[in-house]
PDB file of N, CA and C in Angstrom:
ATOM      1  N   MET A   1     128.019 123.059  97.975  1.00  0.00           N
ATOM      2  CA  MET A   1     127.441 122.161  98.950  1.00  0.00           C
ATOM      3  C   MET A   1     126.858 120.947  98.236  1.00  0.00           C
ATOM      4  N   ALA A   2     127.120 119.754  98.746  1.00  0.00           N
ATOM      5  CA  ALA A   2     126.632 118.522  98.148  1.00  0.00           C
ATOM      6  C   ALA A   2     125.131 118.382  98.347  1.00  0.00           C
ATOM      7  N   SER A   3     124.499 117.785  97.372  1.00  0.00           N
ATOM      8  CA  SER A   3     123.059 117.563  97.443  1.00  0.00           C
ATOM      9  C   SER A   3     122.796 116.107  97.822  1.00  0.00           C
ATOM     10  N   LEU A   4     121.929 115.886  98.786  1.00  0.00           N
ATOM     11  CA  LEU A   4     121.561 114.527  99.173  1.00  0.00           C
ATOM     12  C   LEU A   4     120.351 114.094  98.365  1.00  0.00           C
ATOM     13  N   GLU A   5     120.455 112.918  97.770  1.00  0.00           N
ATOM     14  CA  GLU A   5     119.322 112.391  97.030  1.00  0.00           C
ATOM     15  C   GLU A   5     118.449 111.581  97.969  1.00  0.00           C
ATOM     16  N   TYR A   6     117.166 111.662  97.734  1.00  0.00           N
ATOM     17  CA  TYR A   6     116.221 110.951  98.593  1.00  0.00           C
ATOM     18  C   TYR A   6     115.020 110.501  97.780  1.00  0.00           C
ATOM     19  N   SER A   7     114.301 109.564  98.340  1.00  0.00           N
ATOM     20  CA  SER A   7     113.003 109.170  97.806  1.00  0.00           C
ATOM     21  C   SER A   7     111.958 109.558  98.851  1.00  0.00           C
ATOM     22  N   THR A   8     110.717 109.532  98.456  1.00  0.00           N
ATOM     23  CA  THR A   8     109.654 109.855  99.401  1.00  0.00           C
ATOM     24  C   THR A   8     108.736 108.656  99.572  1.00  0.00           C
ATOM     25  N   ALA A   9     108.119 108.592 100.725  1.00  0.00           N
ATOM     26  CA  ALA A   9     107.142 107.542 101.011  1.00  0.00           C
ATOM     27  C   ALA A   9     105.974 108.177 101.742  1.00  0.00           C
ATOM     28  N   THR A  10     104.772 107.874 101.310  1.00  0.00           N
ATOM     29  CA  THR A  10     103.564 108.336 101.978  1.00  0.00           C
ATOM     30  C   THR A  10     102.667 107.132 102.165  1.00  0.00           C
ATOM     31  N   LYS A  11     102.135 106.996 103.365  1.00  0.00           N
ATOM     32  CA  LYS A  11     101.323 105.828 103.691  1.00  0.00           C
ATOM     33  C   LYS A  11     100.129 106.264 104.523  1.00  0.00           C
ATOM     34  N   SER A  12      99.003 105.656 104.248  1.00  0.00           N
ATOM     35  CA  SER A  12      97.791 105.888 105.033  1.00  0.00           C
ATOM     36  C   SER A  12      97.332 104.540 105.575  1.00  0.00           C
ATOM     37  N   ILE A  13      96.925 104.515 106.852  1.00  0.00           N
ATOM     38  CA  ILE A  13      96.564 103.247 107.469  1.00  0.00           C
ATOM     39  C   ILE A  13      95.501 103.454 108.544  1.00  0.00           C
ATOM     40  N   VAL A  14      94.603 102.491 108.653  1.00  0.00           N
ATOM     41  CA  VAL A  14      93.625 102.462 109.739  1.00  0.00           C
ATOM     42  C   VAL A  14      94.277 101.723 110.900  1.00  0.00           C
ATOM     43  N   ILE A  15      94.187 102.278 112.092  1.00  0.00           N
ATOM     44  CA  ILE A  15      94.837 101.707 113.267  1.00  0.00           C
ATOM     45  C   ILE A  15      93.924 100.655 113.884  1.00  0.00           C
ATOM     46  N   ALA A  16      94.303  99.391 113.716  1.00  0.00           N
ATOM     47  CA  ALA A  16      93.495  98.279 114.222  1.00  0.00           C
ATOM     48  C   ALA A  16      93.861  97.895 115.648  1.00  0.00           C
ATOM     49  N   ALA A  17      95.083  98.182 116.060  1.00  0.00           N
ATOM     50  CA  ALA A  17      95.590  97.725 117.357  1.00  0.00           C
ATOM     51  C   ALA A  17      95.000  98.523 118.521  1.00  0.00           C
ATOM     52  N   THR A  18      94.884  97.827 119.651  1.00  0.00           N
ATOM     53  CA  THR A  18      94.460  98.459 120.910  1.00  0.00           C
ATOM     54  C   THR A  18      95.461  98.174 122.019  1.00  0.00           C
ATOM     55  N   ALA A  19      96.664  97.719 121.638  1.00  0.00           N
ATOM     56  CA  ALA A  19      97.699  97.380 122.621  1.00  0.00           C
ATOM     57  C   ALA A  19      99.027  98.008 122.220  1.00  0.00           C
ATOM     58  N   THR A  20      99.890  98.166 123.187  1.00  0.00           N
ATOM     59  CA  THR A  20     101.157  98.882 123.039  1.00  0.00           C
ATOM     60  C   THR A  20     102.282  98.039 122.437  1.00  0.00           C
ATOM     61  N   GLY A  21     103.392  98.730 122.138  1.00  0.00           N
ATOM     62  CA  GLY A  21     104.630  98.064 121.741  1.00  0.00           C
ATOM     63  C   GLY A  21     104.506  97.210 120.497  1.00  0.00           C
ATOM     64  N   ALA A  22     105.018  95.991 120.580  1.00  0.00           N
ATOM     65  CA  ALA A  22     105.032  95.080 119.434  1.00  0.00           C
ATOM     66  C   ALA A  22     103.636  94.711 118.957  1.00  0.00           C
ATOM     67  N   ASP A  23     102.617  94.910 119.787  1.00  0.00           N
ATOM     68  CA  ASP A  23     101.240  94.610 119.399  1.00  0.00           C
ATOM     69  C   ASP A  23     100.546  95.790 118.727  1.00  0.00           C
ATOM     70  N   ALA A  24     101.182  96.942 118.691  1.00  0.00           N
ATOM     71  CA  ALA A  24     100.606  98.131 118.064  1.00  0.00           C
ATOM     72  C   ALA A  24     100.666  98.003 116.537  1.00  0.00           C
ATOM     73  N   THR A  25      99.889  98.833 115.855  1.00  0.00           N
ATOM     74  CA  THR A  25      99.901  98.868 114.392  1.00  0.00           C
ATOM     75  C   THR A  25     101.131  99.632 113.910  1.00  0.00           C
ATOM     76  N   VAL A  26     101.912  99.002 113.040  1.00  0.00           N
ATOM     77  CA  VAL A  26     103.093  99.661 112.475  1.00  0.00           C
ATOM     78  C   VAL A  26     102.617 100.640 111.398  1.00  0.00           C
ATOM     79  N   VAL A  27     102.943 101.907 111.603  1.00  0.00           N
ATOM     80  CA  VAL A  27     102.573 102.959 110.656  1.00  0.00           C
ATOM     81  C   VAL A  27     103.685 103.170 109.644  1.00  0.00           C
ATOM     82  N   TYR A  28     104.939 103.120 110.094  1.00  0.00           N
ATOM     83  CA  TYR A  28     106.078 103.324 109.206  1.00  0.00           C
ATOM     84  C   TYR A  28     107.305 102.633 109.781  1.00  0.00           C
ATOM     85  N   THR A  29     108.089 102.003 108.909  1.00  0.00           N
ATOM     86  CA  THR A  29     109.386 101.435 109.266  1.00  0.00           C
ATOM     87  C   THR A  29     110.429 102.008 108.330  1.00  0.00           C
ATOM     88  N   CYS A  30     111.503 102.537 108.887  1.00  0.00           N
ATOM     89  CA  CYS A  30     112.603 103.045 108.065  1.00  0.00           C
ATOM     90  C   CYS A  30     113.291 101.847 107.411  1.00  0.00           C
ATOM     91  N   PRO A  31     113.403 101.846 106.075  1.00  0.00           N
ATOM     92  CA  PRO A  31     113.965 100.696 105.376  1.00  0.00           C
ATOM     93  C   PRO A  31     115.447 100.452 105.697  1.00  0.00           C
ATOM     94  N   ALA A  32     115.875  99.219 105.448  1.00  0.00           N
ATOM     95  CA  ALA A  32     117.287  98.867 105.595  1.00  0.00           C
ATOM     96  C   ALA A  32     118.131  99.778 104.704  1.00  0.00           C
ATOM     97  N   ASN A  33     119.325 100.089 105.153  1.00  0.00           N
ATOM     98  CA  ASN A  33     120.273 100.932 104.418  1.00  0.00           C
ATOM     99  C   ASN A  33     119.731 102.342 104.138  1.00  0.00           C
ATOM    100  N   HIS A  34     118.892 102.834 105.028  1.00  0.00           N
ATOM    101  CA  HIS A  34     118.323 104.170 104.880  1.00  0.00           C
ATOM    102  C   HIS A  34     118.289 104.890 106.223  1.00  0.00           C
ATOM    103  N   SER A  35     118.215 106.185 106.147  1.00  0.00           N
ATOM    104  CA  SER A  35     117.751 107.007 107.255  1.00  0.00           C
ATOM    105  C   SER A  35     116.545 107.747 106.694  1.00  0.00           C
ATOM    106  N   ALA A  36     115.709 108.276 107.568  1.00  0.00           N
ATOM    107  CA  ALA A  36     114.488 108.927 107.091  1.00  0.00           C
ATOM    108  C   ALA A  36     114.135 110.096 107.985  1.00  0.00           C
ATOM    109  N   THR A  37     113.461 111.051 107.396  1.00  0.00           N
ATOM    110  CA  THR A  37     112.889 112.167 108.139  1.00  0.00           C
ATOM    111  C   THR A  37     111.381 112.105 107.965  1.00  0.00           C
ATOM    112  N   ILE A  38     110.682 111.949 109.077  1.00  0.00           N
ATOM    113  CA  ILE A  38     109.218 111.994 109.045  1.00  0.00           C
ATOM    114  C   ILE A  38     108.841 113.460 108.914  1.00  0.00           C
ATOM    115  N   GLU A  39     108.221 113.799 107.804  1.00  0.00           N
ATOM    116  CA  GLU A  39     107.841 115.182 107.568  1.00  0.00           C
ATOM    117  C   GLU A  39     106.423 115.468 108.036  1.00  0.00           C
ATOM    118  N   LEU A  40     105.609 114.440 108.128  1.00  0.00           N
ATOM    119  CA  LEU A  40     104.227 114.607 108.570  1.00  0.00           C
ATOM    120  C   LEU A  40     103.752 113.322 109.228  1.00  0.00           C
ATOM    121  N   LEU A  41     103.151 113.444 110.377  1.00  0.00           N
ATOM    122  CA  LEU A  41     102.431 112.338 111.010  1.00  0.00           C
ATOM    123  C   LEU A  41     101.102 112.914 111.449  1.00  0.00           C
ATOM    124  N   HIS A  42     100.056 112.513 110.757  1.00  0.00           N
ATOM    125  CA  HIS A  42      98.721 113.074 110.930  1.00  0.00           C
ATOM    126  C   HIS A  42      97.787 111.967 111.404  1.00  0.00           C
ATOM    127  N   ILE A  43      96.912 112.283 112.351  1.00  0.00           N
ATOM    128  CA  ILE A  43      95.928 111.308 112.820  1.00  0.00           C
ATOM    129  C   ILE A  43      94.532 111.905 112.698  1.00  0.00           C
ATOM    130  N   ALA A  44      93.554 111.039 112.492  1.00  0.00           N
ATOM    131  CA  ALA A  44      92.160 111.459 112.386  1.00  0.00           C
ATOM    132  C   ALA A  44      91.280 110.459 113.117  1.00  0.00           C
ATOM    133  N   ASN A  45      90.283 110.972 113.804  1.00  0.00           N
ATOM    134  CA  ASN A  45      89.285 110.141 114.487  1.00  0.00           C
ATOM    135  C   ASN A  45      88.053 110.109 113.595  1.00  0.00           C
ATOM    136  N   ASN A  46      87.712 108.932 113.068  1.00  0.00           N
ATOM    137  CA  ASN A  46      86.573 108.809 112.164  1.00  0.00           C
ATOM    138  C   ASN A  46      85.308 108.369 112.895  1.00  0.00           C
ATOM    139  N   ASN A  47      85.279 108.561 114.209  1.00  0.00           N
ATOM    140  CA  ASN A  47      84.171 108.116 115.047  1.00  0.00           C
ATOM    141  C   ASN A  47      83.365 109.317 115.533  1.00  0.00           C
ATOM    142  N   ASP A  48      82.129 109.066 115.925  1.00  0.00           N
ATOM    143  CA  ASP A  48      81.243 110.130 116.415  1.00  0.00           C
ATOM    144  C   ASP A  48      81.455 110.475 117.882  1.00  0.00           C
ATOM    145  N   SER A  49      82.438 109.853 118.524  1.00  0.00           N
ATOM    146  CA  SER A  49      82.758 110.204 119.909  1.00  0.00           C
ATOM    147  C   SER A  49      84.271 110.319 120.067  1.00  0.00           C
ATOM    148  N   SER A  50      84.695 111.002 121.102  1.00  0.00           N
ATOM    149  CA  SER A  50      86.113 111.174 121.394  1.00  0.00           C
ATOM    150  C   SER A  50      86.774 109.815 121.617  1.00  0.00           C
ATOM    151  N   LYS A  51      87.977 109.646 121.083  1.00  0.00           N
ATOM    152  CA  LYS A  51      88.732 108.398 121.258  1.00  0.00           C
ATOM    153  C   LYS A  51      90.165 108.727 121.652  1.00  0.00           C
ATOM    154  N   LYS A  52      90.736 107.896 122.520  1.00  0.00           N
ATOM    155  CA  LYS A  52      92.127 108.075 122.920  1.00  0.00           C
ATOM    156  C   LYS A  52      93.039 107.381 121.916  1.00  0.00           C
ATOM    157  N   VAL A  53      94.193 108.022 121.693  1.00  0.00           N
ATOM    158  CA  VAL A  53      95.157 107.504 120.736  1.00  0.00           C
ATOM    159  C   VAL A  53      96.543 107.561 121.362  1.00  0.00           C
ATOM    160  N   TYR A  54      97.395 106.626 120.941  1.00  0.00           N
ATOM    161  CA  TYR A  54      98.758 106.494 121.461  1.00  0.00           C
ATOM    162  C   TYR A  54      99.703 106.342 120.281  1.00  0.00           C
ATOM    163  N   VAL A  55     100.772 107.132 120.260  1.00  0.00           N
ATOM    164  CA  VAL A  55     101.772 107.070 119.196  1.00  0.00           C
ATOM    165  C   VAL A  55     103.116 106.804 119.854  1.00  0.00           C
ATOM    166  N   GLN A  56     103.842 105.804 119.333  1.00  0.00           N
ATOM    167  CA  GLN A  56     105.146 105.454 119.875  1.00  0.00           C
ATOM    168  C   GLN A  56     106.202 105.418 118.784  1.00  0.00           C
ATOM    169  N   PHE A  57     107.431 105.672 119.200  1.00  0.00           N
ATOM    170  CA  PHE A  57     108.617 105.556 118.359  1.00  0.00           C
ATOM    171  C   PHE A  57     109.392 104.348 118.861  1.00  0.00           C
ATOM    172  N   TYR A  58     109.638 103.363 117.974  1.00  0.00           N
ATOM    173  CA  TYR A  58     110.465 102.215 118.328  1.00  0.00           C
ATOM    174  C   TYR A  58     111.887 102.510 117.874  1.00  0.00           C
ATOM    175  N   HIS A  59     112.793 102.558 118.838  1.00  0.00           N
ATOM    176  CA  HIS A  59     114.205 102.833 118.543  1.00  0.00           C
ATOM    177  C   HIS A  59     114.943 101.503 118.499  1.00  0.00           C
ATOM    178  N   VAL A  60     115.327 101.078 117.308  1.00  0.00           N
ATOM    179  CA  VAL A  60     115.941  99.770 117.118  1.00  0.00           C
ATOM    180  C   VAL A  60     117.262  99.651 117.886  1.00  0.00           C
ATOM    181  N   GLU A  61     117.985 100.759 118.047  1.00  0.00           N
ATOM    182  CA  GLU A  61     119.280 100.724 118.717  1.00  0.00           C
ATOM    183  C   GLU A  61     119.183 100.252 120.161  1.00  0.00           C
ATOM    184  N   ASP A  62     118.140 100.667 120.872  1.00  0.00           N
ATOM    185  CA  ASP A  62     117.982 100.220 122.267  1.00  0.00           C
ATOM    186  C   ASP A  62     116.749  99.325 122.454  1.00  0.00           C
ATOM    187  N   THR A  63     116.149  98.886 121.341  1.00  0.00           N
ATOM    188  CA  THR A  63     114.972  98.003 121.326  1.00  0.00           C
ATOM    189  C   THR A  63     113.892  98.451 122.319  1.00  0.00           C
ATOM    190  N   THR A  64     113.615  99.749 122.316  1.00  0.00           N
ATOM    191  CA  THR A  64     112.662 100.323 123.260  1.00  0.00           C
ATOM    192  C   THR A  64     111.622 101.157 122.535  1.00  0.00           C
ATOM    193  N   TYR A  65     110.389 101.080 123.029  1.00  0.00           N
ATOM    194  CA  TYR A  65     109.298 101.914 122.533  1.00  0.00           C
ATOM    195  C   TYR A  65     109.213 103.170 123.397  1.00  0.00           C
ATOM    196  N   HIS A  66     109.160 104.329 122.756  1.00  0.00           N
ATOM    197  CA  HIS A  66     109.078 105.612 123.453  1.00  0.00           C
ATOM    198  C   HIS A  66     107.799 106.323 123.013  1.00  0.00           C
ATOM    199  N   TYR A  67     107.060 106.873 123.953  1.00  0.00           N
ATOM    200  CA  TYR A  67     105.827 107.572 123.605  1.00  0.00           C
ATOM    201  C   TYR A  67     106.109 108.932 122.987  1.00  0.00           C
ATOM    202  N   ILE A  68     105.414 109.216 121.903  1.00  0.00           N
ATOM    203  CA  ILE A  68     105.368 110.543 121.303  1.00  0.00           C
ATOM    204  C   ILE A  68     104.076 111.219 121.753  1.00  0.00           C
ATOM    205  N   LEU A  69     103.008 110.442 121.799  1.00  0.00           N
ATOM    206  CA  LEU A  69     101.697 110.914 122.222  1.00  0.00           C
ATOM    207  C   LEU A  69     101.069 109.800 123.038  1.00  0.00           C
ATOM    208  N   LYS A  70     100.632 110.116 124.264  1.00  0.00           N
ATOM    209  CA  LYS A  70     100.114 109.079 125.145  1.00  0.00           C
ATOM    210  C   LYS A  70      98.771 109.507 125.728  1.00  0.00           C
ATOM    211  N   ASN A  71      97.791 108.607 125.588  1.00  0.00           N
ATOM    212  CA  ASN A  71      96.483 108.822 126.207  1.00  0.00           C
ATOM    213  C   ASN A  71      95.843 110.131 125.735  1.00  0.00           C
ATOM    214  N   TYR A  72      96.054 110.467 124.451  1.00  0.00           N
ATOM    215  CA  TYR A  72      95.546 111.718 123.903  1.00  0.00           C
ATOM    216  C   TYR A  72      94.101 111.537 123.442  1.00  0.00           C
ATOM    217  N   ALA A  73      93.197 112.343 123.975  1.00  0.00           N
ATOM    218  CA  ALA A  73      91.791 112.288 123.590  1.00  0.00           C
ATOM    219  C   ALA A  73      91.580 113.118 122.330  1.00  0.00           C
ATOM    220  N   LEU A  74      91.342 112.438 121.232  1.00  0.00           N
ATOM    221  CA  LEU A  74      91.097 113.091 119.952  1.00  0.00           C
ATOM    222  C   LEU A  74      89.586 113.239 119.789  1.00  0.00           C
ATOM    223  N   ALA A  75      89.129 114.467 119.671  1.00  0.00           N
ATOM    224  CA  ALA A  75      87.692 114.747 119.599  1.00  0.00           C
ATOM    225  C   ALA A  75      87.036 114.015 118.434  1.00  0.00           C
ATOM    226  N   ALA A  76      85.746 113.803 118.538  1.00  0.00           N
ATOM    227  CA  ALA A  76      84.974 113.131 117.497  1.00  0.00           C
ATOM    228  C   ALA A  76      85.170 113.815 116.149  1.00  0.00           C
ATOM    229  N   ASN A  77      85.363 113.014 115.118  1.00  0.00           N
ATOM    230  CA  ASN A  77      85.469 113.503 113.741  1.00  0.00           C
ATOM    231  C   ASN A  77      86.456 114.667 113.595  1.00  0.00           C
ATOM    232  N   SER A  78      87.590 114.546 114.250  1.00  0.00           N
ATOM    233  CA  SER A  78      88.598 115.600 114.169  1.00  0.00           C
ATOM    234  C   SER A  78      89.942 115.011 113.760  1.00  0.00           C
ATOM    235  N   ALA A  79      90.908 115.901 113.562  1.00  0.00           N
ATOM    236  CA  ALA A  79      92.239 115.476 113.125  1.00  0.00           C
ATOM    237  C   ALA A  79      93.295 116.321 113.815  1.00  0.00           C
ATOM    238  N   LYS A  80      94.533 115.791 113.830  1.00  0.00           N
ATOM    239  CA  LYS A  80      95.644 116.489 114.474  1.00  0.00           C
ATOM    240  C   LYS A  80      96.938 116.136 113.749  1.00  0.00           C
ATOM    241  N   ASN A  81      97.775 117.149 113.534  1.00  0.00           N
ATOM    242  CA  ASN A  81      99.127 116.911 113.051  1.00  0.00           C
ATOM    243  C   ASN A  81      99.983 116.630 114.283  1.00  0.00           C
ATOM    244  N   VAL A  82     100.500 115.415 114.416  1.00  0.00           N
ATOM    245  CA  VAL A  82     101.207 114.991 115.618  1.00  0.00           C
ATOM    246  C   VAL A  82     102.625 115.538 115.662  1.00  0.00           C
ATOM    247  N   LEU A  83     103.350 115.436 114.571  1.00  0.00           N
ATOM    248  CA  LEU A  83     104.742 115.884 114.577  1.00  0.00           C
ATOM    249  C   LEU A  83     105.233 116.078 113.170  1.00  0.00           C
ATOM    250  N   ASN A  84     106.382 116.702 113.088  1.00  0.00           N
ATOM    251  CA  ASN A  84     107.114 116.736 111.828  1.00  0.00           C
ATOM    252  C   ASN A  84     108.602 116.807 112.134  1.00  0.00           C
ATOM    253  N   ASN A  85     109.372 116.348 111.177  1.00  0.00           N
ATOM    254  CA  ASN A  85     110.834 116.353 111.266  1.00  0.00           C
ATOM    255  C   ASN A  85     111.413 115.491 112.385  1.00  0.00           C
ATOM    256  N   LEU A  86     110.934 114.284 112.494  1.00  0.00           N
ATOM    257  CA  LEU A  86     111.536 113.277 113.366  1.00  0.00           C
ATOM    258  C   LEU A  86     112.492 112.460 112.499  1.00  0.00           C
ATOM    259  N   HIS A  87     113.713 112.269 112.968  1.00  0.00           N
ATOM    260  CA  HIS A  87     114.730 111.560 112.190  1.00  0.00           C
ATOM    261  C   HIS A  87     114.842 110.113 112.673  1.00  0.00           C
ATOM    262  N   LEU A  88     114.773 109.176 111.731  1.00  0.00           N
ATOM    263  CA  LEU A  88     114.827 107.745 112.026  1.00  0.00           C
ATOM    264  C   LEU A  88     116.016 107.107 111.314  1.00  0.00           C
ATOM    265  N   GLN A  89     116.465 105.998 111.875  1.00  0.00           N
ATOM    266  CA  GLN A  89     117.521 105.194 111.273  1.00  0.00           C
ATOM    267  C   GLN A  89     116.926 103.855 110.842  1.00  0.00           C
ATOM    268  N   ALA A  90     117.655 103.096 110.061  1.00  0.00           N
ATOM    269  CA  ALA A  90     117.180 101.812 109.545  1.00  0.00           C
ATOM    270  C   ALA A  90     116.598 100.954 110.668  1.00  0.00           C
ATOM    271  N   GLY A  91     115.376 100.483 110.460  1.00  0.00           N
ATOM    272  CA  GLY A  91     114.707  99.613 111.422  1.00  0.00           C
ATOM    273  C   GLY A  91     113.853 100.341 112.447  1.00  0.00           C
ATOM    274  N   ASP A  92     114.063 101.636 112.641  1.00  0.00           N
ATOM    275  CA  ASP A  92     113.216 102.411 113.558  1.00  0.00           C
ATOM    276  C   ASP A  92     111.781 102.426 113.023  1.00  0.00           C
ATOM    277  N   GLN A  93     110.814 102.522 113.927  1.00  0.00           N
ATOM    278  CA  GLN A  93     109.412 102.484 113.528  1.00  0.00           C
ATOM    279  C   GLN A  93     108.580 103.547 114.247  1.00  0.00           C
ATOM    280  N   ILE A  94     107.472 103.887 113.611  1.00  0.00           N
ATOM    281  CA  ILE A  94     106.391 104.628 114.247  1.00  0.00           C
ATOM    282  C   ILE A  94     105.242 103.635 114.354  1.00  0.00           C
ATOM    283  N   VAL A  95     104.730 103.444 115.576  1.00  0.00           N
ATOM    284  CA  VAL A  95     103.603 102.537 115.797  1.00  0.00           C
ATOM    285  C   VAL A  95     102.501 103.292 116.522  1.00  0.00           C
ATOM    286  N   MET A  96     101.278 102.814 116.359  1.00  0.00           N
ATOM    287  CA  MET A  96     100.131 103.466 116.998  1.00  0.00           C
ATOM    288  C   MET A  96      99.135 102.428 117.484  1.00  0.00           C
ATOM    289  N   TYR A  97      98.378 102.825 118.506  1.00  0.00           N
ATOM    290  CA  TYR A  97      97.218 102.040 118.912  1.00  0.00           C
ATOM    291  C   TYR A  97      96.162 102.990 119.431  1.00  0.00           C
ATOM    292  N   GLY A  98      94.939 102.501 119.458  1.00  0.00           N
ATOM    293  CA  GLY A  98      93.825 103.346 119.861  1.00  0.00           C
ATOM    294  C   GLY A  98      93.014 102.722 120.968  1.00  0.00           C
ATOM    295  N   GLN A  99      92.147 103.526 121.523  1.00  0.00           N
ATOM    296  CA  GLN A  99      91.216 103.074 122.554  1.00  0.00           C
ATOM    297  C   GLN A  99      90.279 102.006 121.996  1.00  0.00           C
ATOM    298  N   THR A 100      89.875 102.188 120.745  1.00  0.00           N
ATOM    299  CA  THR A 100      88.969 101.279 120.059  1.00  0.00           C
ATOM    300  C   THR A 100      89.554 100.963 118.690  1.00  0.00           C
ATOM    301  N   ALA A 101      89.502  99.716 118.285  1.00  0.00           N
ATOM    302  CA  ALA A 101      90.048  99.314 116.984  1.00  0.00           C
ATOM    303  C   ALA A 101      89.309 100.006 115.839  1.00  0.00           C
ATOM    304  N   ASN A 102      90.062 100.377 114.826  1.00  0.00           N
ATOM    305  CA  ASN A 102      89.538 100.875 113.557  1.00  0.00           C
ATOM    306  C   ASN A 102      88.775 102.195 113.642  1.00  0.00           C
ATOM    307  N   THR A 103      89.072 103.027 114.641  1.00  0.00           N
ATOM    308  CA  THR A 103      88.439 104.345 114.719  1.00  0.00           C
ATOM    309  C   THR A 103      89.430 105.472 114.434  1.00  0.00           C
ATOM    310  N   ILE A 104      90.718 105.168 114.436  1.00  0.00           N
ATOM    311  CA  ILE A 104      91.761 106.160 114.182  1.00  0.00           C
ATOM    312  C   ILE A 104      92.450 105.822 112.862  1.00  0.00           C
ATOM    313  N   GLU A 105      92.687 106.850 112.053  1.00  0.00           N
ATOM    314  CA  GLU A 105      93.438 106.693 110.814  1.00  0.00           C
ATOM    315  C   GLU A 105      94.687 107.558 110.903  1.00  0.00           C
ATOM    316  N   SER A 106      95.721 107.152 110.182  1.00  0.00           N
ATOM    317  CA  SER A 106      96.973 107.903 110.197  1.00  0.00           C
ATOM    318  C   SER A 106      97.516 108.052 108.784  1.00  0.00           C
ATOM    319  N   VAL A 107      98.150 109.200 108.548  1.00  0.00           N
ATOM    320  CA  VAL A 107      98.896 109.439 107.317  1.00  0.00           C
ATOM    321  C   VAL A 107     100.303 109.833 107.731  1.00  0.00           C
ATOM    322  N   VAL A 108     101.286 109.190 107.122  1.00  0.00           N
ATOM    323  CA  VAL A 108     102.690 109.526 107.394  1.00  0.00           C
ATOM    324  C   VAL A 108     103.372 109.808 106.056  1.00  0.00           C
ATOM    325  N   SER A 109     104.227 110.816 106.074  1.00  0.00           N
ATOM    326  CA  SER A 109     105.009 111.155 104.890  1.00  0.00           C
ATOM    327  C   SER A 109     106.469 111.291 105.319  1.00  0.00           C
ATOM    328  N   ALA A 110     107.360 110.643 104.563  1.00  0.00           N
ATOM    329  CA  ALA A 110     108.776 110.611 104.944  1.00  0.00           C
ATOM    330  C   ALA A 110     109.679 110.829 103.746  1.00  0.00           C
ATOM    331  N   ARG A 111     110.844 111.421 104.014  1.00  0.00           N
ATOM    332  CA  ARG A 111     111.954 111.463 103.070  1.00  0.00           C
ATOM    333  C   ARG A 111     112.906 110.349 103.482  1.00  0.00           C
ATOM    334  N   GLN A 112     113.289 109.506 102.518  1.00  0.00           N
ATOM    335  CA  GLN A 112     114.158 108.373 102.797  1.00  0.00           C
ATOM    336  C   GLN A 112     115.487 108.573 102.071  1.00  0.00           C
ATOM    337  N   PHE A 113     116.572 108.544 102.846  1.00  0.00           N
ATOM    338  CA  PHE A 113     117.907 108.768 102.322  1.00  0.00           C
ATOM    339  C   PHE A 113     118.674 107.456 102.310  1.00  0.00           C
ATOM    340  N   PHE A 114     119.124 107.033 101.127  1.00  0.00           N
ATOM    341  CA  PHE A 114     119.884 105.793 101.003  1.00  0.00           C
ATOM    342  C   PHE A 114     121.275 105.983 101.576  1.00  0.00           C
ATOM    343  N   ASN A 115     121.695 105.019 102.388  1.00  0.00           N
ATOM    344  CA  ASN A 115     123.036 105.030 102.972  1.00  0.00           C
ATOM    345  C   ASN A 115     123.536 103.582 103.014  1.00  0.00           C
ATOM    346  N   PRO A 116     124.405 103.191 102.075  1.00  0.00           N
ATOM    347  CA  PRO A 116     124.862 101.799 102.000  1.00  0.00           C
ATOM    348  C   PRO A 116     125.624 101.333 103.236  1.00  0.00           C
ATOM    349  N   LEU A 117     126.056 102.249 104.081  1.00  0.00           N
ATOM    350  CA  LEU A 117     126.809 101.873 105.283  1.00  0.00           C
ATOM    351  C   LEU A 117     125.902 101.551 106.460  1.00  0.00           C
ATOM    352  N   ARG A 118     124.615 101.734 106.339  1.00  0.00           N
ATOM    353  CA  ARG A 118     123.675 101.448 107.435  1.00  0.00           C
ATOM    354  C   ARG A 118     123.344  99.992 107.476  1.00  0.00           C
TER     355      ARG A 118
END
């Protein structure tokens, strides 16, 4: 069986956006000529009160934002693993926004597979 070579990417970001779609904070973009598997998407509320959080997947093929998590109340000073093993193609994105700017943090970890035909 052939082995696929990949690189990894891990990113941590504070979510500044409070609006959807193109105005949301970009957490991860699958690079050109790659496909990727999101292995971890983790969110944390660093505030002393519950805050709502929204996670979207931007599908470049149909130029549409799709909700993964919508209007989710994340308890004060808590964290949640949102998903794992979401497959993305070049240009696809994970974006997030919160009820209040700079109260939600996110960590994403991905395997990136080079594909010169993408």
